[in-house]
Amino acid sequence: MAEGIRHVEHVMGTAFSFDIRTPRSPSVTAALARAVAWLHHVDRVFSPYRPDSQVTRLADGRVGVGGCDPEVAEVLRLGAEFERITGGAFTCEPGGRLDPSGVVKGWAIERASTILHDAGAHDHCVNGGGDVQARGEAGPGDPWRIGIADPRDRSGLIAAVSGRDIAVATSGTAERGRHILDPRTGRPATGLASVTLVGRHLTEVDALATAAFAMGGAARAWAEARPGIEAFGVTSGGRPWWTPGFEDIALLPCDLA
């Protein structure tokens, strides 16, 4: 079998890994270069930590949306839609300052995945800091398998999912503490240790995972009612729960002890 491509790129303050199972070719190699360049472009435009980024200048009132790249208006439209469908549990203005980071990473990864797919790399996985967009298969007849870290022990897995054309995103406290605010109260969300959403599009599941974490105890019922989404959560007390359809894609048994 012809060799695929694996690549790791450090951007946006984290590591992005590309695992391309489609055989290496000039078009696939060029598409990977475009996907990497895209991620760096997104960082330059959207980073809230860069004083010269368009988002920083927009937040400071130094430029209007019309003076930014079209992607800025696209991301803000997505953020407004996610805020609507989550009843305000998601926002692009955490703490009262514009910061669309909750949309940007998943959206950027999904767009990078589309660049690869459109170039013929139909079997690949893009992982950005644990948020994953996978297309096609890991091998002939072999779906992708994506682990879910145990928030109580980041070295281990508490569950895993399997699928083709699948997106997985997790929000939690294990790496950065209680950094996610509930926009409705302005206080850190405390009801969950982590929540993972699984769907088709990472743009959606990444933003909605942030919202679900902010919902705390209400996340389970909300996720069960959301079409095309399955969820796996761990309460702040360490007890796992999952939506009914999660069992259809789960690989590993969940420890309820």
C-alpha atoms as a PDB file:
ATOM      1  CA  MET A   1       0.000   0.000   0.000  1.00  0.00           C
ATOM      2  CA  ALA A   2       1.278   3.486  -0.861  1.00  0.00           C
ATOM      3  CA  GLU A   3       2.378   5.613   2.074  1.00  0.00           C
ATOM      4  CA  GLY A   4       0.176   8.353   3.462  1.00  0.00           C
ATOM      5  CA  ILE A   5       1.366  11.501   5.241  1.00  0.00           C
ATOM      6  CA  ARG A   6       1.640  12.462   8.897  1.00  0.00           C
ATOM      7  CA  HIS A   7       2.447  15.997   9.951  1.00  0.00           C
ATOM      8  CA  VAL A   8       2.358  18.040  13.178  1.00  0.00           C
ATOM      9  CA  GLU A   9       2.069  21.835  13.104  1.00  0.00           C
ATOM     10  CA  HIS A  10       2.306  24.120  16.144  1.00  0.00           C
ATOM     11  CA  VAL A  11      -0.059  27.065  15.756  1.00  0.00           C
ATOM     12  CA  MET A  12      -2.763  28.827  17.799  1.00  0.00           C
ATOM     13  CA  GLY A  13      -0.913  27.826  20.944  1.00  0.00           C
ATOM     14  CA  THR A  14      -1.414  24.105  20.431  1.00  0.00           C
ATOM     15  CA  ALA A  15      -0.381  21.180  18.221  1.00  0.00           C
ATOM     16  CA  PHE A  16      -2.358  20.256  15.126  1.00  0.00           C
ATOM     17  CA  SER A  17      -1.759  16.767  13.796  1.00  0.00           C
ATOM     18  CA  PHE A  18      -2.604  15.618  10.290  1.00  0.00           C
ATOM     19  CA  ASP A  19      -2.971  11.893   9.636  1.00  0.00           C
ATOM     20  CA  ILE A  20      -3.622  11.391   5.927  1.00  0.00           C
ATOM     21  CA  ARG A  21      -4.290   7.783   4.925  1.00  0.00           C
ATOM     22  CA  THR A  22      -4.882   8.584   1.242  1.00  0.00           C
ATOM     23  CA  PRO A  23      -1.671   7.652  -0.635  1.00  0.00           C
ATOM     24  CA  ARG A  24       0.879  10.431  -0.939  1.00  0.00           C
ATOM     25  CA  SER A  25       0.748  12.355  -4.215  1.00  0.00           C
ATOM     26  CA  PRO A  26       1.772  15.839  -5.409  1.00  0.00           C
ATOM     27  CA  SER A  27      -1.826  17.088  -5.105  1.00  0.00           C
ATOM     28  CA  VAL A  28      -2.236  15.737  -1.575  1.00  0.00           C
ATOM     29  CA  THR A  29       1.126  17.134  -0.480  1.00  0.00           C
ATOM     30  CA  ALA A  30       0.197  20.536  -1.899  1.00  0.00           C
ATOM     31  CA  ALA A  31      -3.183  20.417  -0.165  1.00  0.00           C
ATOM     32  CA  LEU A  32      -1.497  19.720   3.169  1.00  0.00           C
ATOM     33  CA  ALA A  33       0.693  22.802   2.652  1.00  0.00           C
ATOM     34  CA  ARG A  34      -2.441  24.881   1.922  1.00  0.00           C
ATOM     35  CA  ALA A  35      -4.203  23.504   5.000  1.00  0.00           C
ATOM     36  CA  VAL A  36      -1.229  24.398   7.212  1.00  0.00           C
ATOM     37  CA  ALA A  37      -1.027  27.871   5.680  1.00  0.00           C
ATOM     38  CA  TRP A  38      -4.747  28.281   6.340  1.00  0.00           C
ATOM     39  CA  LEU A  39      -4.293  27.575  10.053  1.00  0.00           C
ATOM     40  CA  HIS A  40      -1.548  30.196  10.305  1.00  0.00           C
ATOM     41  CA  HIS A  41      -3.765  32.680   8.455  1.00  0.00           C
ATOM     42  CA  VAL A  42      -6.580  32.018  10.933  1.00  0.00           C
ATOM     43  CA  ASP A  43      -4.193  32.611  13.831  1.00  0.00           C
ATOM     44  CA  ARG A  44      -3.068  35.942  12.377  1.00  0.00           C
ATOM     45  CA  VAL A  45      -6.657  37.090  11.856  1.00  0.00           C
ATOM     46  CA  PHE A  46      -8.399  35.744  14.960  1.00  0.00           C
ATOM     47  CA  SER A  47      -5.873  35.454  17.792  1.00  0.00           C
ATOM     48  CA  PRO A  48      -7.026  37.531  20.777  1.00  0.00           C
ATOM     49  CA  TYR A  49      -3.418  37.445  22.016  1.00  0.00           C
ATOM     50  CA  ARG A  50      -1.968  39.250  18.985  1.00  0.00           C
ATOM     51  CA  PRO A  51      -2.261  43.033  19.297  1.00  0.00           C
ATOM     52  CA  ASP A  52      -2.266  43.340  15.512  1.00  0.00           C
ATOM     53  CA  SER A  53      -4.876  40.652  14.762  1.00  0.00           C
ATOM     54  CA  GLN A  54      -8.104  41.750  13.151  1.00  0.00           C
ATOM     55  CA  VAL A  55     -10.139  40.413  16.084  1.00  0.00           C
ATOM     56  CA  THR A  56      -8.074  42.386  18.593  1.00  0.00           C
ATOM     57  CA  ARG A  57      -8.412  45.556  16.546  1.00  0.00           C
ATOM     58  CA  LEU A  58     -12.145  44.902  16.160  1.00  0.00           C
ATOM     59  CA  ALA A  59     -12.546  44.366  19.901  1.00  0.00           C
ATOM     60  CA  ASP A  60     -10.651  47.609  20.569  1.00  0.00           C
ATOM     61  CA  GLY A  61     -12.790  49.559  18.108  1.00  0.00           C
ATOM     62  CA  ARG A  62      -9.864  50.280  15.789  1.00  0.00           C
ATOM     63  CA  VAL A  63     -11.597  48.642  12.832  1.00  0.00           C
ATOM     64  CA  GLY A  64     -15.139  47.636  11.897  1.00  0.00           C
ATOM     65  CA  VAL A  65     -16.328  44.271  10.612  1.00  0.00           C
ATOM     66  CA  GLY A  66     -16.361  45.716   7.099  1.00  0.00           C
ATOM     67  CA  GLY A  67     -12.644  46.432   7.396  1.00  0.00           C
ATOM     68  CA  CYS A  68     -11.827  42.818   8.263  1.00  0.00           C
ATOM     69  CA  ASP A  69     -11.449  39.728   6.101  1.00  0.00           C
ATOM     70  CA  PRO A  70     -14.805  38.146   5.145  1.00  0.00           C
ATOM     71  CA  GLU A  71     -14.054  35.211   7.445  1.00  0.00           C
ATOM     72  CA  VAL A  72     -14.532  37.474  10.475  1.00  0.00           C
ATOM     73  CA  ALA A  73     -18.138  38.217   9.562  1.00  0.00           C
ATOM     74  CA  GLU A  74     -18.681  34.499   8.858  1.00  0.00           C
ATOM     75  CA  VAL A  75     -17.398  33.478  12.280  1.00  0.00           C
ATOM     76  CA  LEU A  76     -19.443  36.164  14.043  1.00  0.00           C
ATOM     77  CA  ARG A  77     -22.579  34.967  12.224  1.00  0.00           C
ATOM     78  CA  LEU A  78     -21.861  31.417  13.365  1.00  0.00           C
ATOM     79  CA  GLY A  79     -21.312  32.614  16.929  1.00  0.00           C
ATOM     80  CA  ALA A  80     -24.635  34.456  16.934  1.00  0.00           C
ATOM     81  CA  GLU A  81     -26.392  31.326  15.683  1.00  0.00           C
ATOM     82  CA  PHE A  82     -24.776  29.141  18.350  1.00  0.00           C
ATOM     83  CA  GLU A  83     -25.760  31.671  20.990  1.00  0.00           C
ATOM     84  CA  ARG A  84     -29.360  31.486  19.754  1.00  0.00           C
ATOM     85  CA  ILE A  85     -29.640  27.695  19.704  1.00  0.00           C
ATOM     86  CA  THR A  86     -28.016  27.310  23.141  1.00  0.00           C
ATOM     87  CA  GLY A  87     -30.171  29.902  24.840  1.00  0.00           C
ATOM     88  CA  GLY A  88     -27.154  32.058  25.601  1.00  0.00           C
ATOM     89  CA  ALA A  89     -24.911  29.305  26.972  1.00  0.00           C
ATOM     90  CA  PHE A  90     -22.466  30.179  24.177  1.00  0.00           C
ATOM     91  CA  THR A  91     -21.222  33.654  23.305  1.00  0.00           C
ATOM     92  CA  CYS A  92     -18.480  35.359  21.321  1.00  0.00           C
ATOM     93  CA  GLU A  93     -18.282  38.031  24.040  1.00  0.00           C
ATOM     94  CA  PRO A  94     -17.171  36.190  27.194  1.00  0.00           C
ATOM     95  CA  GLY A  95     -16.658  38.645  30.010  1.00  0.00           C
ATOM     96  CA  GLY A  96     -18.025  41.422  27.805  1.00  0.00           C
ATOM     97  CA  ARG A  97     -15.101  41.451  25.347  1.00  0.00           C
ATOM     98  CA  LEU A  98     -15.196  40.139  21.787  1.00  0.00           C
ATOM     99  CA  ASP A  99     -13.422  36.787  21.563  1.00  0.00           C
ATOM    100  CA  PRO A 100     -14.774  34.290  19.003  1.00  0.00           C
ATOM    101  CA  SER A 101     -12.216  31.616  19.950  1.00  0.00           C
ATOM    102  CA  GLY A 102     -15.046  29.260  20.895  1.00  0.00           C
ATOM    103  CA  VAL A 103     -15.972  29.071  17.207  1.00  0.00           C
ATOM    104  CA  VAL A 104     -12.624  29.570  15.536  1.00  0.00           C
ATOM    105  CA  LYS A 105     -10.660  26.396  16.263  1.00  0.00           C
ATOM    106  CA  GLY A 106     -13.321  23.885  15.244  1.00  0.00           C
ATOM    107  CA  TRP A 107     -14.233  25.978  12.209  1.00  0.00           C
ATOM    108  CA  ALA A 108     -10.581  26.270  11.169  1.00  0.00           C
ATOM    109  CA  ILE A 109      -9.961  22.530  11.562  1.00  0.00           C
ATOM    110  CA  GLU A 110     -13.054  21.655   9.547  1.00  0.00           C
ATOM    111  CA  ARG A 111     -11.985  24.047   6.775  1.00  0.00           C
ATOM    112  CA  ALA A 112      -8.489  22.491   6.751  1.00  0.00           C
ATOM    113  CA  SER A 113     -10.142  19.087   6.452  1.00  0.00           C
ATOM    114  CA  THR A 114     -12.210  20.335   3.512  1.00  0.00           C
ATOM    115  CA  ILE A 115      -9.055  21.572   1.759  1.00  0.00           C
ATOM    116  CA  LEU A 116      -7.618  18.066   2.018  1.00  0.00           C
ATOM    117  CA  HIS A 117     -10.826  16.342   0.962  1.00  0.00           C
ATOM    118  CA  ASP A 118     -11.315  18.587  -2.079  1.00  0.00           C
ATOM    119  CA  ALA A 119      -7.788  17.703  -3.233  1.00  0.00           C
ATOM    120  CA  GLY A 120      -8.578  13.984  -3.159  1.00  0.00           C
ATOM    121  CA  ALA A 121      -7.376  13.130   0.358  1.00  0.00           C
ATOM    122  CA  HIS A 122     -10.670  11.504   1.244  1.00  0.00           C
ATOM    123  CA  ASP A 123      -9.290   9.482   4.168  1.00  0.00           C
ATOM    124  CA  HIS A 124      -7.745  11.692   6.826  1.00  0.00           C
ATOM    125  CA  CYS A 125      -7.974  12.953  10.392  1.00  0.00           C
ATOM    126  CA  VAL A 126      -7.107  16.450  11.642  1.00  0.00           C
ATOM    127  CA  ASN A 127      -6.650  16.805  15.405  1.00  0.00           C
ATOM    128  CA  GLY A 128      -6.249  20.228  16.986  1.00  0.00           C
ATOM    129  CA  GLY A 129      -5.623  20.073  20.714  1.00  0.00           C
ATOM    130  CA  GLY A 130      -7.917  17.060  21.081  1.00  0.00           C
ATOM    131  CA  ASP A 131     -10.712  18.312  18.829  1.00  0.00           C
ATOM    132  CA  VAL A 132     -10.977  16.035  15.806  1.00  0.00           C
ATOM    133  CA  GLN A 133     -12.413  16.122  12.294  1.00  0.00           C
ATOM    134  CA  ALA A 134     -12.103  12.789  10.509  1.00  0.00           C
ATOM    135  CA  ARG A 135     -13.133  11.973   6.952  1.00  0.00           C
ATOM    136  CA  GLY A 136     -13.450   8.656   5.201  1.00  0.00           C
ATOM    137  CA  GLU A 137     -11.764   5.678   6.812  1.00  0.00           C
ATOM    138  CA  ALA A 138      -8.590   4.883   8.711  1.00  0.00           C
ATOM    139  CA  GLY A 139      -8.098   1.955   6.344  1.00  0.00           C
ATOM    140  CA  PRO A 140     -10.184  -0.147   3.945  1.00  0.00           C
ATOM    141  CA  GLY A 141     -13.273  -1.132   5.902  1.00  0.00           C
ATOM    142  CA  ASP A 142     -11.764   0.316   9.094  1.00  0.00           C
ATOM    143  CA  PRO A 143     -13.493   3.308  10.739  1.00  0.00           C
ATOM    144  CA  TRP A 144     -11.624   5.957  12.669  1.00  0.00           C
ATOM    145  CA  ARG A 145     -11.318   5.351  16.416  1.00  0.00           C
ATOM    146  CA  ILE A 146     -11.084   8.418  18.627  1.00  0.00           C
ATOM    147  CA  GLY A 147     -10.408   8.237  22.357  1.00  0.00           C
ATOM    148  CA  ILE A 148     -12.004  10.400  25.045  1.00  0.00           C
ATOM    149  CA  ALA A 149      -9.613  11.320  27.852  1.00  0.00           C
ATOM    150  CA  ASP A 150     -10.585  10.636  31.432  1.00  0.00           C
ATOM    151  CA  PRO A 151     -10.803  14.086  33.103  1.00  0.00           C
ATOM    152  CA  ARG A 152      -9.732  12.463  36.381  1.00  0.00           C
ATOM    153  CA  ASP A 153      -6.625  10.927  34.777  1.00  0.00           C
ATOM    154  CA  ARG A 154      -5.494  12.539  31.509  1.00  0.00           C
ATOM    155  CA  SER A 155      -3.133   9.629  30.840  1.00  0.00           C
ATOM    156  CA  GLY A 156      -6.064   7.260  30.400  1.00  0.00           C
ATOM    157  CA  LEU A 157      -9.230   6.929  28.330  1.00  0.00           C
ATOM    158  CA  ILE A 158     -12.699   6.813  29.793  1.00  0.00           C
ATOM    159  CA  ALA A 159     -14.380   5.945  26.478  1.00  0.00           C
ATOM    160  CA  ALA A 160     -13.832   5.989  22.724  1.00  0.00           C
ATOM    161  CA  VAL A 161     -15.954   6.405  19.629  1.00  0.00           C
ATOM    162  CA  SER A 162     -15.778   4.859  16.184  1.00  0.00           C
ATOM    163  CA  GLY A 163     -17.038   6.172  12.880  1.00  0.00           C
ATOM    164  CA  ARG A 164     -16.547   7.510   9.384  1.00  0.00           C
ATOM    165  CA  ASP A 165     -16.900  11.231   8.604  1.00  0.00           C
ATOM    166  CA  ILE A 166     -17.025  12.039  12.306  1.00  0.00           C
ATOM    167  CA  ALA A 167     -16.234  15.070  14.451  1.00  0.00           C
ATOM    168  CA  VAL A 168     -15.406  14.920  18.170  1.00  0.00           C
ATOM    169  CA  ALA A 169     -14.853  17.828  20.574  1.00  0.00           C
ATOM    170  CA  THR A 170     -14.349  17.941  24.347  1.00  0.00           C
ATOM    171  CA  SER A 171     -14.629  20.798  26.819  1.00  0.00           C
ATOM    172  CA  GLY A 172     -13.432  20.384  30.379  1.00  0.00           C
ATOM    173  CA  THR A 173     -11.334  21.502  33.305  1.00  0.00           C
ATOM    174  CA  ALA A 174      -8.462  18.995  33.212  1.00  0.00           C
ATOM    175  CA  GLU A 175      -5.905  21.118  31.355  1.00  0.00           C
ATOM    176  CA  ARG A 176      -6.805  24.737  32.098  1.00  0.00           C
ATOM    177  CA  GLY A 177      -8.935  24.532  35.221  1.00  0.00           C
ATOM    178  CA  ARG A 178     -12.317  26.231  35.422  1.00  0.00           C
ATOM    179  CA  HIS A 179     -11.707  28.624  32.541  1.00  0.00           C
ATOM    180  CA  ILE A 180     -15.124  28.313  30.870  1.00  0.00           C
ATOM    181  CA  LEU A 181     -17.634  30.901  32.039  1.00  0.00           C
ATOM    182  CA  ASP A 182     -21.374  30.503  31.886  1.00  0.00           C
ATOM    183  CA  PRO A 183     -22.270  33.647  29.879  1.00  0.00           C
ATOM    184  CA  ARG A 184     -25.659  33.750  31.562  1.00  0.00           C
ATOM    185  CA  THR A 185     -24.176  34.209  35.035  1.00  0.00           C
ATOM    186  CA  GLY A 186     -20.636  35.423  34.355  1.00  0.00           C
ATOM    187  CA  ARG A 187     -19.304  32.762  36.727  1.00  0.00           C
ATOM    188  CA  PRO A 188     -17.182  29.662  35.997  1.00  0.00           C
ATOM    189  CA  ALA A 189     -19.207  26.603  35.025  1.00  0.00           C
ATOM    190  CA  THR A 190     -18.937  23.986  37.771  1.00  0.00           C
ATOM    191  CA  GLY A 191     -21.403  21.187  37.069  1.00  0.00           C
ATOM    192  CA  LEU A 192     -19.207  19.052  34.806  1.00  0.00           C
ATOM    193  CA  ALA A 193     -15.618  17.842  34.729  1.00  0.00           C
ATOM    194  CA  SER A 194     -15.849  17.319  30.972  1.00  0.00           C
ATOM    195  CA  VAL A 195     -18.318  16.896  28.149  1.00  0.00           C
ATOM    196  CA  THR A 196     -17.663  15.450  24.701  1.00  0.00           C
ATOM    197  CA  LEU A 197     -19.913  15.979  21.701  1.00  0.00           C
ATOM    198  CA  VAL A 198     -19.866  13.787  18.602  1.00  0.00           C
ATOM    199  CA  GLY A 199     -21.372  14.757  15.262  1.00  0.00           C
ATOM    200  CA  ARG A 200     -20.543  15.329  11.623  1.00  0.00           C
ATOM    201  CA  HIS A 201     -19.136  18.874  11.601  1.00  0.00           C
ATOM    202  CA  LEU A 202     -16.461  20.079  14.005  1.00  0.00           C
ATOM    203  CA  THR A 203     -17.530  23.714  13.619  1.00  0.00           C
ATOM    204  CA  GLU A 204     -20.787  22.776  15.293  1.00  0.00           C
ATOM    205  CA  VAL A 205     -19.678  20.215  17.873  1.00  0.00           C
ATOM    206  CA  ASP A 206     -16.704  22.257  19.117  1.00  0.00           C
ATOM    207  CA  ALA A 207     -18.766  25.374  19.828  1.00  0.00           C
ATOM    208  CA  LEU A 208     -21.662  23.376  21.238  1.00  0.00           C
ATOM    209  CA  ALA A 209     -19.330  21.392  23.521  1.00  0.00           C
ATOM    210  CA  THR A 210     -18.318  24.698  25.118  1.00  0.00           C
ATOM    211  CA  ALA A 211     -21.984  25.591  25.539  1.00  0.00           C
ATOM    212  CA  ALA A 212     -22.854  22.161  26.936  1.00  0.00           C
ATOM    213  CA  PHE A 213     -20.098  22.484  29.519  1.00  0.00           C
ATOM    214  CA  ALA A 214     -21.502  25.847  30.582  1.00  0.00           C
ATOM    215  CA  MET A 215     -24.968  24.245  30.928  1.00  0.00           C
ATOM    216  CA  GLY A 216     -23.719  21.852  33.619  1.00  0.00           C
ATOM    217  CA  GLY A 217     -26.466  19.530  34.768  1.00  0.00           C
ATOM    218  CA  ALA A 218     -28.814  20.669  31.996  1.00  0.00           C
ATOM    219  CA  ALA A 219     -26.407  19.543  29.249  1.00  0.00           C
ATOM    220  CA  ARG A 220     -27.622  15.956  29.059  1.00  0.00           C
ATOM    221  CA  ALA A 221     -31.261  16.764  28.311  1.00  0.00           C
ATOM    222  CA  TRP A 222     -30.247  19.520  25.906  1.00  0.00           C
ATOM    223  CA  ALA A 223     -27.920  17.189  23.976  1.00  0.00           C
ATOM    224  CA  GLU A 224     -30.547  14.445  23.804  1.00  0.00           C
ATOM    225  CA  ALA A 225     -32.875  16.899  22.079  1.00  0.00           C
ATOM    226  CA  ARG A 226     -30.242  18.138  19.604  1.00  0.00           C
ATOM    227  CA  PRO A 227     -30.468  16.312  16.239  1.00  0.00           C
ATOM    228  CA  GLY A 228     -27.272  14.815  14.843  1.00  0.00           C
ATOM    229  CA  ILE A 229     -25.384  15.126  18.132  1.00  0.00           C
ATOM    230  CA  GLU A 230     -24.403  12.549  20.740  1.00  0.00           C
ATOM    231  CA  ALA A 231     -22.792  13.429  24.053  1.00  0.00           C
ATOM    232  CA  PHE A 232     -20.694  11.860  26.788  1.00  0.00           C
ATOM    233  CA  GLY A 233     -20.256  13.760  30.037  1.00  0.00           C
ATOM    234  CA  VAL A 234     -18.520  13.367  33.374  1.00  0.00           C
ATOM    235  CA  THR A 235     -19.982  15.237  36.335  1.00  0.00           C
ATOM    236  CA  SER A 236     -17.809  17.262  38.668  1.00  0.00           C
ATOM    237  CA  GLY A 237     -18.270  14.377  41.088  1.00  0.00           C
ATOM    238  CA  GLY A 238     -16.759  11.940  38.572  1.00  0.00           C
ATOM    239  CA  ARG A 239     -19.893  10.133  37.392  1.00  0.00           C
ATOM    240  CA  PRO A 240     -20.189   9.493  33.613  1.00  0.00           C
ATOM    241  CA  TRP A 241     -23.397   9.874  31.618  1.00  0.00           C
ATOM    242  CA  TRP A 242     -24.203   9.654  27.926  1.00  0.00           C
ATOM    243  CA  THR A 243     -27.018  10.193  25.450  1.00  0.00           C
ATOM    244  CA  PRO A 244     -28.826   7.064  24.225  1.00  0.00           C
ATOM    245  CA  GLY A 245     -27.310   7.134  20.736  1.00  0.00           C
ATOM    246  CA  PHE A 246     -23.781   7.301  22.121  1.00  0.00           C
ATOM    247  CA  GLU A 247     -23.879   3.572  22.759  1.00  0.00           C
ATOM    248  CA  ASP A 248     -24.114   2.968  18.988  1.00  0.00           C
ATOM    249  CA  ILE A 249     -20.705   4.569  18.374  1.00  0.00           C
ATOM    250  CA  ALA A 250     -18.939   3.750  21.657  1.00  0.00           C
ATOM    251  CA  LEU A 251     -15.945   1.401  21.616  1.00  0.00           C
ATOM    252  CA  LEU A 252     -14.931   1.081  25.252  1.00  0.00           C
ATOM    253  CA  PRO A 253     -17.169   0.355  28.237  1.00  0.00           C
ATOM    254  CA  CYS A 254     -17.590   3.261  30.616  1.00  0.00           C
ATOM    255  CA  ASP A 255     -16.652   2.691  34.247  1.00  0.00           C
ATOM    256  CA  LEU A 256     -19.628   3.652  36.393  1.00  0.00           C
ATOM    257  CA  ALA A 257     -17.923   2.883  39.702  1.00  0.00           C
END
